[in-house]
Protein backbone atom coordinates (compact mmCIF):
# COMPACT_ATOMS: atom_id res chain seq x y z
CA MET A 1 -20.51 -61.96 -41.24
CA ASN A 2 -20.32 -66.01 -41.88
CA SER A 3 -18.08 -68.37 -41.93
CA ARG A 4 -17.26 -67.36 -45.49
CA GLY A 5 -16.57 -63.91 -45.02
CA SER A 6 -19.49 -62.86 -46.74
CA ASP A 7 -21.17 -59.51 -46.07
CA PHE A 8 -24.35 -59.05 -44.51
CA TRP A 9 -24.82 -55.72 -45.93
CA ASP A 10 -23.40 -56.79 -49.56
CA GLN A 11 -27.06 -58.91 -50.47
CA PRO A 12 -28.31 -57.69 -53.36
CA SER A 13 -31.66 -57.61 -51.92
CA GLY A 14 -30.62 -55.37 -49.14
CA PRO A 15 -30.60 -56.63 -45.28
CA PRO A 16 -33.63 -58.59 -44.19
CA ILE A 17 -34.83 -56.04 -41.58
CA GLY A 18 -38.81 -55.80 -40.53
CA PRO A 19 -40.43 -52.73 -40.33
CA GLU A 20 -40.63 -53.27 -36.39
CA GLN A 21 -36.92 -54.11 -36.10
CA PHE A 22 -36.34 -51.46 -38.54
CA ASN A 23 -38.15 -48.83 -35.89
CA GLU A 24 -36.57 -50.09 -33.31
CA ILE A 25 -32.85 -49.62 -34.74
CA VAL A 26 -33.76 -46.32 -36.05
CA THR A 27 -34.85 -45.64 -32.44
CA THR A 28 -32.23 -46.85 -30.37
CA ALA A 29 -29.71 -45.35 -32.68
CA ALA A 30 -30.59 -41.76 -32.65
CA ASP A 31 -31.69 -39.62 -29.94
CA LEU A 32 -34.50 -38.29 -31.80
CA ALA A 33 -35.90 -39.70 -34.98
CA ILE A 34 -38.43 -37.09 -37.07
CA VAL A 35 -39.59 -37.94 -40.48
CA LEU A 36 -41.04 -34.89 -42.18
CA ASP A 37 -42.01 -33.83 -45.73
CA THR A 38 -39.84 -30.98 -47.62
CA GLU A 39 -42.10 -28.80 -46.83
CA GLY A 40 -41.74 -28.93 -43.20
CA THR A 41 -44.54 -30.84 -41.61
CA VAL A 42 -43.66 -33.45 -39.04
CA LYS A 43 -45.43 -36.85 -40.22
CA SER A 44 -43.56 -38.87 -36.81
CA VAL A 45 -41.51 -37.87 -33.70
CA ILE A 46 -39.84 -41.24 -32.16
CA VAL A 47 -37.87 -40.17 -29.08
CA ASN A 48 -35.12 -42.96 -27.70
CA PRO A 49 -36.10 -44.04 -24.43
CA LEU A 50 -32.75 -44.78 -23.22
CA ASN A 51 -33.16 -40.70 -23.33
CA PRO A 52 -35.64 -39.34 -21.20
CA THR A 53 -34.94 -36.27 -21.03
CA LEU A 54 -36.17 -34.72 -24.35
CA GLY A 55 -39.57 -35.62 -22.53
CA GLN A 56 -42.74 -36.85 -25.07
CA LEU A 57 -42.74 -34.96 -28.31
CA ASP A 58 -45.68 -36.33 -29.70
CA HIS A 59 -47.47 -33.16 -30.06
CA TRP A 60 -45.22 -32.07 -33.11
CA LYS A 61 -46.86 -34.31 -35.47
CA ASP A 62 -48.46 -32.78 -38.16
CA ARG A 63 -47.41 -29.53 -37.31
CA ASP A 64 -44.77 -27.35 -38.48
CA ILE A 65 -41.32 -28.31 -37.27
CA ARG A 66 -40.49 -24.70 -37.62
CA GLU A 67 -43.02 -23.95 -34.79
CA PHE A 68 -40.20 -25.92 -32.49
CA MET A 69 -37.16 -24.56 -33.66
CA ALA A 70 -34.89 -21.31 -32.65
CA ASP A 71 -34.80 -18.26 -34.76
CA ASP A 72 -31.27 -18.67 -35.24
CA SER A 73 -31.96 -22.39 -36.73
CA LEU A 74 -34.28 -21.76 -39.29
CA SER A 75 -31.99 -21.04 -41.93
CA LYS A 76 -30.04 -23.91 -41.56
CA LEU A 77 -33.06 -25.93 -41.54
CA GLU A 78 -34.85 -24.04 -45.11
CA LYS A 79 -31.08 -24.44 -46.79
CA GLN A 80 -31.59 -28.48 -46.50
CA LEU A 81 -35.25 -28.65 -47.54
CA GLU A 82 -34.60 -26.55 -50.32
CA ALA A 83 -31.57 -28.91 -51.52
CA TYR A 84 -33.95 -32.06 -51.02
CA ARG A 85 -36.63 -30.23 -53.24
CA ALA A 86 -34.22 -29.50 -55.84
CA GLY A 87 -32.23 -32.79 -55.92
CA VAL A 88 -29.05 -31.82 -54.57
CA ALA A 89 -28.82 -32.70 -51.06
CA ARG A 90 -26.12 -34.99 -49.72
CA PRO A 91 -26.71 -37.42 -46.57
CA THR A 92 -23.44 -36.57 -45.21
CA ASP A 93 -24.42 -32.99 -44.84
CA ALA A 94 -25.59 -32.49 -40.78
CA ILE A 95 -26.79 -29.29 -39.07
CA GLU A 96 -27.04 -28.12 -35.70
CA VAL A 97 -30.38 -26.18 -34.62
CA ASN A 98 -31.61 -25.37 -31.09
CA HIS A 99 -35.45 -26.77 -30.36
CA PHE A 100 -37.91 -25.45 -28.00
CA ASP A 101 -41.57 -26.62 -27.27
CA ASN A 102 -44.33 -25.26 -25.40
CA ALA A 103 -42.56 -25.89 -22.28
CA ASN A 104 -40.29 -23.23 -22.99
CA TRP A 105 -37.15 -25.16 -22.84
CA GLU A 106 -34.21 -25.39 -24.83
CA PHE A 107 -31.97 -28.32 -26.11
CA PRO A 108 -29.60 -28.64 -29.27
CA ILE A 109 -29.63 -31.69 -31.50
CA ARG A 110 -27.53 -32.38 -34.41
CA TYR A 111 -29.24 -33.75 -37.83
CA THR A 112 -28.30 -36.05 -40.28
CA LEU A 113 -30.89 -35.94 -43.22
CA HIS A 114 -31.37 -39.22 -45.28
CA LYS A 115 -33.79 -40.14 -48.39
CA THR A 116 -36.81 -42.33 -48.12
CA GLY A 117 -38.34 -44.35 -50.67
CA ARG A 118 -40.68 -41.33 -51.20
CA ASP A 119 -38.79 -37.85 -52.71
CA ASP A 120 -40.71 -36.16 -50.46
CA ILE A 121 -40.09 -37.72 -47.19
CA ILE A 122 -36.68 -37.24 -45.55
CA LEU A 123 -35.90 -39.24 -42.18
CA MET A 124 -33.94 -36.78 -39.79
CA LEU A 125 -31.84 -38.58 -37.60
CA GLY A 126 -30.70 -36.53 -34.23
CA ARG A 127 -28.18 -36.71 -31.58
CA ASP A 128 -28.87 -34.97 -28.28
CA LEU A 129 -25.83 -31.82 -27.98
CA ARG A 130 -26.80 -31.41 -24.30
CA PRO A 131 -24.18 -33.28 -23.11
CA ILE A 132 -21.48 -32.21 -25.30
CA ALA A 133 -22.86 -28.51 -24.54
CA GLU A 134 -22.67 -29.62 -20.68
CA LEU A 135 -19.00 -30.73 -21.27
CA GLN A 136 -18.26 -28.00 -22.99
CA HIS A 137 -19.82 -25.53 -20.56
CA ARG A 138 -17.64 -27.18 -18.16
CA LEU A 139 -14.40 -27.10 -19.92
CA VAL A 140 -15.04 -23.51 -20.21
CA LYS A 141 -15.61 -23.11 -16.52
CA ALA A 142 -12.32 -25.21 -15.74
CA GLN A 143 -10.23 -22.59 -18.12
CA LEU A 144 -11.97 -19.42 -16.93
CA ALA A 145 -11.21 -20.74 -13.39
CA LEU A 146 -7.84 -21.97 -14.23
CA GLU A 147 -7.15 -18.51 -15.58
CA LYS A 148 -8.57 -16.97 -12.72
CA ASP A 149 -6.02 -18.96 -10.39
CA TYR A 150 -3.32 -17.89 -12.45
CA GLU A 151 -3.88 -14.31 -12.60
CA THR A 152 -4.34 -14.67 -8.48
CA HIS A 153 -1.46 -16.56 -8.35
CA ARG A 154 0.38 -13.76 -10.61
CA ASP A 155 -1.00 -11.35 -8.00
CA TYR A 156 0.11 -12.80 -4.80
CA GLU A 157 3.53 -13.08 -6.57
CA THR A 158 3.86 -9.72 -7.49
CA ARG A 159 3.10 -8.50 -3.62
CA TYR A 160 5.31 -11.30 -2.40
CA ARG A 161 8.17 -9.85 -4.33
CA VAL A 162 7.05 -6.64 -3.32
CA ILE A 163 6.99 -7.09 0.35
CA LEU A 164 10.20 -9.26 0.47
CA GLU A 165 12.12 -6.69 -1.28
CA ALA A 166 10.31 -3.83 0.32
CA ALA A 167 11.54 -5.29 4.15
CA ARG A 168 14.22 -3.64 5.73
CA ASP A 169 15.48 -7.02 7.60
CA ALA A 170 17.30 -9.26 5.49
CA LEU A 171 14.85 -12.24 4.82
CA VAL A 172 15.79 -15.83 3.79
CA LEU A 173 13.63 -18.91 3.25
CA VAL A 174 15.25 -22.18 3.34
CA ASP A 175 14.12 -25.86 2.62
CA VAL A 176 14.67 -27.99 5.61
CA ALA A 177 14.67 -31.02 3.81
CA SER A 178 17.18 -29.98 0.87
CA GLY A 179 19.09 -27.38 3.92
CA ARG A 180 19.11 -24.86 0.25
CA ILE A 181 18.07 -21.27 -0.03
CA VAL A 182 14.33 -21.07 -1.89
CA ASP A 183 14.74 -17.31 -1.83
CA LEU A 184 16.04 -14.50 -0.07
CA ASN A 185 15.59 -10.75 -0.50
CA GLY A 186 18.45 -7.92 -1.60
CA ALA A 187 19.35 -7.10 2.37
CA ALA A 188 19.94 -10.76 2.68
CA ALA A 189 22.33 -10.75 -0.12
CA ARG A 190 24.27 -7.83 1.00
CA LEU A 191 24.38 -8.92 4.37
CA LEU A 192 26.11 -12.68 3.27
CA GLY A 193 28.38 -10.58 0.61
CA GLY A 194 27.10 -12.61 -2.29
CA ASP A 195 25.05 -11.85 -5.37
CA LEU A 196 21.14 -12.33 -5.03
CA ASP A 197 20.91 -14.87 -8.10
CA ALA A 198 24.05 -17.07 -7.16
CA LEU A 199 22.86 -17.11 -3.33
CA ASN A 200 19.02 -18.71 -4.81
CA GLY A 201 19.55 -22.18 -4.83
CA SER A 202 22.74 -22.51 -2.88
CA ALA A 203 23.37 -24.48 0.52
CA PHE A 204 22.37 -21.95 3.37
CA THR A 205 24.74 -23.66 6.08
CA GLN A 206 27.87 -23.15 3.13
CA GLU A 207 27.05 -19.45 3.99
CA PHE A 208 28.39 -19.21 7.55
CA GLU A 209 31.92 -20.42 9.28
CA GLY A 210 32.22 -23.56 11.07
CA ARG A 211 28.56 -24.97 10.51
CA ARG A 212 27.50 -28.67 9.78
CA ARG A 213 24.16 -28.61 7.40
CA GLY A 214 22.15 -30.99 9.82
CA GLU A 215 23.11 -29.64 12.96
CA PHE A 216 22.90 -26.23 11.65
CA ILE A 217 19.10 -26.55 10.26
CA GLU A 218 18.51 -28.54 13.30
CA GLY A 219 19.57 -25.95 15.65
CA LEU A 220 17.60 -23.51 13.94
CA ILE A 221 14.37 -26.05 14.08
CA MET A 222 14.86 -25.98 17.94
CA ALA A 223 15.52 -22.34 18.19
CA ALA A 224 11.90 -21.45 16.36
CA GLY A 225 10.27 -23.60 18.81
CA ASP A 226 11.77 -22.55 21.69
CA GLU A 227 11.84 -18.97 22.69
CA SER A 228 14.24 -19.40 25.42
CA ILE A 229 17.22 -20.29 23.09
CA GLY A 230 17.39 -17.17 21.87
CA PRO A 231 18.34 -15.63 18.11
CA VAL A 232 21.18 -18.23 16.90
CA THR A 233 24.81 -15.94 16.69
CA VAL A 234 26.76 -16.93 13.11
CA THR A 235 29.53 -15.64 11.29
CA THR A 236 29.20 -15.29 7.49
CA ARG A 237 31.94 -16.90 5.29
CA ARG A 238 32.51 -13.88 2.99
CA GLY A 239 32.41 -10.72 4.92
CA GLN A 240 33.48 -12.38 8.15
CA ALA A 241 30.79 -10.38 9.77
CA GLU A 242 28.65 -11.11 13.14
CA ALA A 243 24.90 -12.28 12.87
CA THR A 244 22.14 -13.27 14.64
CA ILE A 245 19.24 -15.42 12.92
CA GLU A 246 15.75 -15.61 14.26
CA PRO A 247 14.03 -18.39 12.89
CA ILE A 248 9.91 -19.42 11.93
CA VAL A 249 8.89 -22.78 11.04
CA PHE A 250 6.00 -23.19 8.85
CA ARG A 251 4.97 -25.43 5.97
CA ALA A 252 4.32 -24.72 2.77
CA ALA A 253 2.55 -27.52 -0.06
CA GLY A 254 3.26 -29.93 2.80
CA GLU A 255 6.84 -29.16 2.77
CA LYS A 256 8.44 -27.93 6.03
CA MET A 257 10.13 -24.50 5.41
CA LEU A 258 12.31 -21.90 7.89
CA LEU A 259 11.96 -18.18 7.39
CA CYS A 260 15.78 -16.83 8.84
CA ARG A 261 15.55 -13.39 10.05
CA LEU A 262 19.21 -12.17 10.11
CA GLN A 263 20.64 -9.32 11.39
CA PRO A 264 23.79 -7.79 12.23
CA ALA A 265 25.14 -8.31 15.71
CA ALA A 266 24.67 -4.73 18.05
CA THR A 267 27.30 -2.25 16.33
CA ASP A 268 27.35 1.23 16.16
CA LEU A 269 25.80 1.41 13.13
CA SER A 270 22.49 -0.60 14.77
CA ILE A 271 22.31 1.21 17.29
CA ALA A 272 22.23 4.62 15.51
CA ALA A 273 19.38 3.05 12.99
CA GLU A 274 17.76 2.31 16.45
CA LEU A 275 17.94 5.39 18.02
CA SER A 276 16.62 7.16 14.31
CA GLN A 277 13.79 4.95 14.68
CA THR A 278 12.97 6.09 18.37
CA LEU A 279 14.03 9.59 17.43
CA GLY A 280 11.38 9.37 14.52
CA GLY A 281 8.58 8.41 16.65
CA LEU A 282 9.39 11.21 18.97
CA PHE A 283 8.94 13.38 16.22
CA ARG A 284 5.95 12.23 15.00
CA LYS A 285 4.04 12.23 18.43
CA ALA A 286 5.79 14.94 20.55
CA PRO A 287 3.37 17.14 21.79
CA ASP A 288 5.45 20.51 20.96
CA GLY A 289 5.97 21.77 17.89
CA MET A 290 9.09 20.76 16.14
CA VAL A 291 11.12 22.09 13.21
CA PHE A 292 13.88 21.63 11.33
CA THR A 293 15.30 24.41 9.34
CA ASP A 294 18.17 24.96 6.78
CA ALA A 295 21.26 27.82 7.72
CA SER A 296 19.17 30.12 6.36
CA GLY A 297 16.49 29.43 8.43
CA ILE A 298 13.79 28.09 5.44
CA ILE A 299 11.77 25.42 7.07
CA ARG A 300 12.46 21.53 5.79
CA THR A 301 10.10 19.70 7.97
CA ALA A 302 7.89 19.91 11.03
CA ASN A 303 5.83 17.78 12.69
CA ASP A 304 1.88 17.88 13.10
CA ALA A 305 2.34 19.81 16.70
CA PHE A 306 3.44 22.39 14.78
CA LEU A 307 1.31 22.32 12.13
CA SER A 308 -1.19 22.64 14.69
CA LEU A 309 0.12 25.59 16.49
CA CYS A 310 0.32 27.52 12.83
CA ASP A 311 -3.02 26.18 11.75
CA ALA A 312 -1.42 24.71 8.83
CA GLY A 313 -3.41 22.27 7.17
CA ARG A 314 -0.68 20.33 5.48
CA MET A 315 3.17 20.07 5.28
CA ALA A 316 3.13 21.54 1.96
CA ASP A 317 1.76 24.54 3.37
CA VAL A 318 5.12 25.60 5.48
CA LYS A 319 7.74 23.29 3.71
CA GLY A 320 9.98 25.35 1.94
CA ARG A 321 8.85 28.85 3.64
CA SER A 322 10.88 30.91 5.86
CA LEU A 323 10.29 30.48 9.93
CA ALA A 324 10.47 34.36 10.34
CA GLU A 325 6.81 33.98 8.23
CA PHE A 326 5.73 32.41 11.44
CA LEU A 327 7.22 34.65 14.24
CA ALA A 328 5.28 37.94 15.27
CA ARG A 329 8.81 39.90 14.96
CA GLY A 330 9.36 38.20 11.80
CA SER A 331 13.03 38.55 10.60
CA VAL A 332 14.40 40.00 13.95
CA ASP A 333 12.95 36.69 15.98
CA LEU A 334 14.79 34.27 13.46
CA LYS A 335 17.83 36.43 13.53
CA VAL A 336 18.08 36.27 16.85
CA LEU A 337 17.41 32.86 17.39
CA LEU A 338 19.71 31.75 14.46
CA ASP A 339 22.71 34.01 15.66
CA ASN A 340 22.80 33.10 19.19
CA SER A 341 22.45 29.26 18.67
CA ALA A 342 25.11 29.29 16.09
CA ARG A 343 27.08 31.35 18.61
CA ASN A 344 26.32 29.45 21.66
CA GLY A 345 24.90 25.93 20.33
CA THR A 346 21.96 26.35 21.66
CA ILE A 347 19.25 28.93 23.15
CA ARG A 348 16.48 28.18 25.70
CA LEU A 349 13.24 29.84 26.67
CA TYR A 350 13.01 32.36 23.72
CA SER A 351 9.46 34.04 24.33
CA THR A 352 7.73 35.48 21.34
CA ARG A 353 4.80 35.01 19.70
CA LEU A 354 3.86 32.82 16.72
CA GLU A 355 1.33 34.21 13.88
CA GLY A 356 -0.97 31.59 12.42
CA ALA A 357 -1.98 31.10 8.80
CA HIS A 358 -5.09 32.95 8.98
CA GLY A 359 -3.17 36.05 11.47
CA ALA A 360 -3.95 34.20 14.92
CA GLN A 361 -1.15 35.06 17.39
CA LEU A 362 0.26 32.65 20.03
CA SER A 363 2.84 32.80 22.91
CA VAL A 364 5.19 30.13 22.88
CA GLU A 365 8.42 29.68 24.17
CA ILE A 366 11.11 28.68 21.62
CA SER A 367 14.38 26.26 22.12
CA ALA A 368 17.16 26.11 19.40
CA THR A 369 19.75 24.03 18.54
CA HIS A 370 22.70 24.32 15.63
CA LEU A 371 22.83 21.35 13.89
CA ASN A 372 26.30 20.82 11.73
CA GLN A 373 26.77 17.63 10.50
CA SER A 374 27.96 15.59 7.58
CA GLY A 375 24.35 16.11 5.79
CA GLY A 376 24.58 20.33 6.21
CA GLU A 377 24.40 23.11 8.74
CA GLY A 378 20.96 23.35 10.02
CA PHE A 379 18.56 24.44 13.20
CA ALA A 380 16.23 22.29 15.06
CA PHE A 381 13.26 24.37 16.73
CA ILE A 382 11.19 23.42 19.58
CA PHE A 383 7.92 25.17 20.13
CA ARG A 384 5.85 25.35 23.51
CA ASP A 385 2.83 26.77 23.68
CA THR A 386 2.46 29.13 26.80
CA SER A 387 -0.42 31.56 26.13
CA ARG A 388 -2.39 29.44 29.21
CA LEU A 389 0.38 30.33 31.53
CA GLU A 390 0.34 34.08 30.17
CA VAL A 391 -3.21 33.91 31.21
CA MET A 392 -2.84 32.57 34.78
CA ARG A 393 -0.22 35.14 35.53
CA ASP A 394 -2.22 37.93 34.08
CA PRO A 395 -5.46 37.57 32.26
CA GLY A 396 -5.65 40.83 30.94
CA ALA A 397 -2.37 40.72 29.62
CA THR A 398 -3.14 38.07 26.64
CA THR A 399 -3.02 40.31 24.11
CA ALA A 400 0.31 41.68 24.49
CA PRO A 401 3.05 40.85 22.74
CA ALA A 402 5.61 38.50 24.40
CA LEU A 403 9.24 40.17 24.75
CA PRO A 404 12.57 38.18 25.59
CA GLY A 405 12.66 37.94 28.90
CA PRO A 406 15.66 39.98 30.52
CA ALA A 407 17.57 38.75 33.59
CA PRO A 408 15.82 38.77 36.55
CA VAL A 409 16.58 42.14 39.10
CA SER A 410 19.36 41.53 41.36
CA ASP A 411 19.15 41.03 45.31
CA ASP A 412 21.59 44.17 45.20
CA ALA A 413 19.16 46.21 42.76
CA MET A 414 16.25 44.95 45.15
CA ARG A 415 18.19 46.33 48.59
CA ASN A 416 18.79 49.52 47.17
CA VAL A 417 15.26 50.15 46.07
CA MET A 418 14.25 49.05 49.70
CA ASP A 419 16.93 51.22 51.31
CA LEU A 420 15.48 54.06 49.85
CA VAL A 421 11.84 53.33 51.79
CA GLY A 422 11.60 56.23 54.18
CA SER A 423 13.96 58.56 52.36
CA ALA A 424 12.19 59.67 49.84
CA PRO A 425 8.75 59.97 48.43
CA LEU A 426 7.11 56.76 46.54
CA LYS A 427 7.08 58.76 43.37
CA GLU A 428 10.95 58.62 42.95
CA ILE A 429 11.23 55.00 44.39
CA VAL A 430 9.14 53.96 41.38
CA ALA A 431 10.57 56.08 39.11
CA ALA A 432 14.11 54.46 40.11
CA THR A 433 13.11 50.87 39.97
CA THR A 434 11.89 51.83 36.50
CA ASP A 435 14.93 53.19 35.41
CA VAL A 436 16.75 49.82 36.94
CA VAL A 437 14.04 47.44 34.99
CA GLU A 438 14.34 49.60 31.78
CA LYS A 439 18.14 49.40 31.80
CA MET A 440 18.21 45.89 32.24
CA CYS A 441 15.48 45.42 29.20
CA ILE A 442 17.61 47.80 26.90
CA GLU A 443 20.99 45.72 27.78
CA THR A 444 19.03 42.38 27.24
CA ALA A 445 17.85 43.59 23.99
CA VAL A 446 21.42 44.42 22.88
CA GLU A 447 22.92 41.38 23.45
CA LEU A 448 20.50 39.20 22.01
CA THR A 449 20.55 41.21 19.05
CA ASP A 450 24.46 41.20 19.07
CA ASN A 451 24.36 44.97 19.31
CA ASN A 452 22.15 44.85 16.62
CA ARG A 453 20.61 48.40 17.27
CA VAL A 454 17.92 48.28 14.57
CA ALA A 455 17.02 44.77 15.54
CA ALA A 456 16.88 45.74 19.34
CA ALA A 457 14.38 48.85 18.39
CA GLU A 458 12.31 46.63 17.11
CA MET A 459 12.38 43.62 19.06
CA LEU A 460 11.58 46.73 22.42
CA GLY A 461 8.97 48.34 20.52
CA LEU A 462 10.73 51.48 20.47
CA SER A 463 12.08 54.03 17.46
CA ARG A 464 15.60 53.82 16.56
CA GLN A 465 15.82 57.55 18.13
CA SER A 466 14.29 56.73 21.24
CA LEU A 467 16.60 53.65 21.70
CA TYR A 468 20.06 55.76 21.34
CA VAL A 469 18.30 58.34 23.91
CA LYS A 470 17.98 55.62 26.30
CA LEU A 471 21.03 54.21 25.43
CA ARG A 472 22.52 57.75 25.94
CA LYS A 473 20.95 57.87 29.66
CA TYR A 474 22.16 54.77 30.77
CA GLY A 475 25.61 54.91 29.13
CA LEU A 476 25.21 52.03 27.01
CA LEU A 477 25.81 54.22 23.96
CA ASN A 478 29.28 52.96 23.26
CA LYS A 479 29.40 49.29 25.31
CA ASN A 480 29.76 46.26 22.91
CA ALA A 481 30.37 48.78 19.85
CA ASN A 482 31.97 47.14 17.44
C-alpha cells in the first residue's frame, strides 16, 4: 500500500509481476505446484526448495498424474477435473490426496485448483500435510497413552482399595505436613470409633487423648526411624481404648507420608486371635490327621494329613460324610469314640483301622476330645498311623484287625500263672492264661461300648450268642446291666 491508501492489488491492469517473480512466488507459496491439463496430464512440476523432503519430482512431467496417486484419491481428482471440464469448478474447492512415486513412499497433499489463462490448463497448489499428519499421529498416541495411564491408575486404585479393606490390620495414611488423615480402612475406623467418611481428612492427632499435633507427628517419625523406640502407645478419644501405633515413613509424589498400623493393646481378645492363628497353622501342617465333626460324627473339616491317610484327593471328598465311613468297624467304632469322649471329655489311644477311599486299611490310634462351645457341640479327633509299629512288633500281623487294647495283665494274675508251674501241665497253664486274657478283653469291650452287647460282640469279632456264652462263663452276664 502507498501513503494515499491505494491498494497494490486494486490496479485495473493487475499487479505488475514478471514471469520469473511469479514462478518464485508460486514456488514459495506452496510446497508443491503442478500445472496440468483437464485430462490429468502433468505439464510442469515445481517443488518448494524450502521443503526438500518431497524429493525430485521431475519425472512426473508429461505423465498422467493418476499414476502417482493412491487408489482412494482418484475419485476426488476425477470429480474436480470433471467440474473444470464442465466449467462449474469453484476455486475455493480443495482436495486431499495421497501421492506415491516410484520409490514406493507416500505423502499426503492438500490441493487448491485454480484457473489459468487457458481453459484446458489448471494450476494445482499443494500444501504438504505430513507435518499435520505427524502432529495428529502424535496427538493420537498421546491420547492413547493418556487413556492407558488412566486405566492403569484406575487398576492400581482398585487394587489399593481392595487390599486396604481386606487387610485385617487397622491402617491409616497420614500427611506429615498437615497432620491430616489421607486415607484409612474400615478396621482403623472401627478402632478409632468413628465413621470412615468423617475420619477421612480429619486431624489424626485429635483422635487421641492428650496429644499435640507437632510433638505427636514428630514422635511418630522418630519411632519409624528408630526400631529401639518401639510402638507408640495411645488412648483413643472416642472409645477410650488403649492402642499402639507402628509408623512407617515414605514419600509419595514428593510429599512425606506416614503409614500407621494401629493395634489394640494386648487383651484377651488379641491373645485369643493370636492363639487361633497359631492353632490354624498347626492344623494345616500337623503330621497327624486331624478331624472336626459335629455332635453326630459328621465331618466338618479335616487337614491334609487326614486326607493323605484316607487317600482322599480333596476336602470335598470327606466333608459332610460320617466319620464311621472311614473306620473299619464303622458305626461301632464311632459310637465308642463319641460316647466315651462325651462322658469322660477325652479318650486316648483308641486302636482301630482306618479304611481309605479305595478300600485299603491302615492301623491307627485315635484320640478324641469332646468340644462344647458357644458355636455348638462337636468332637475333635487325632489320627496317628501305627502301621510301622505294628510291623516292628509282628511282621506277620499287618493284616490283622486292631482291637481296642485291653488293660495290661495285672501282676497278681501273672503270679498266679507262675505259681501253676510245676503243679499243673503246660496245657492247663496256657488254658488258664487264655481265660484270664479272654475275660479281660470281654470286660474292656463291654466297658468301651457302655454295656452295648451288640457293639461289644462286633468289636470282638464274635456272634452275639458266643458273647453271651462267654459272659455267662466268666460271671459277667449281670455285670454292668442297665
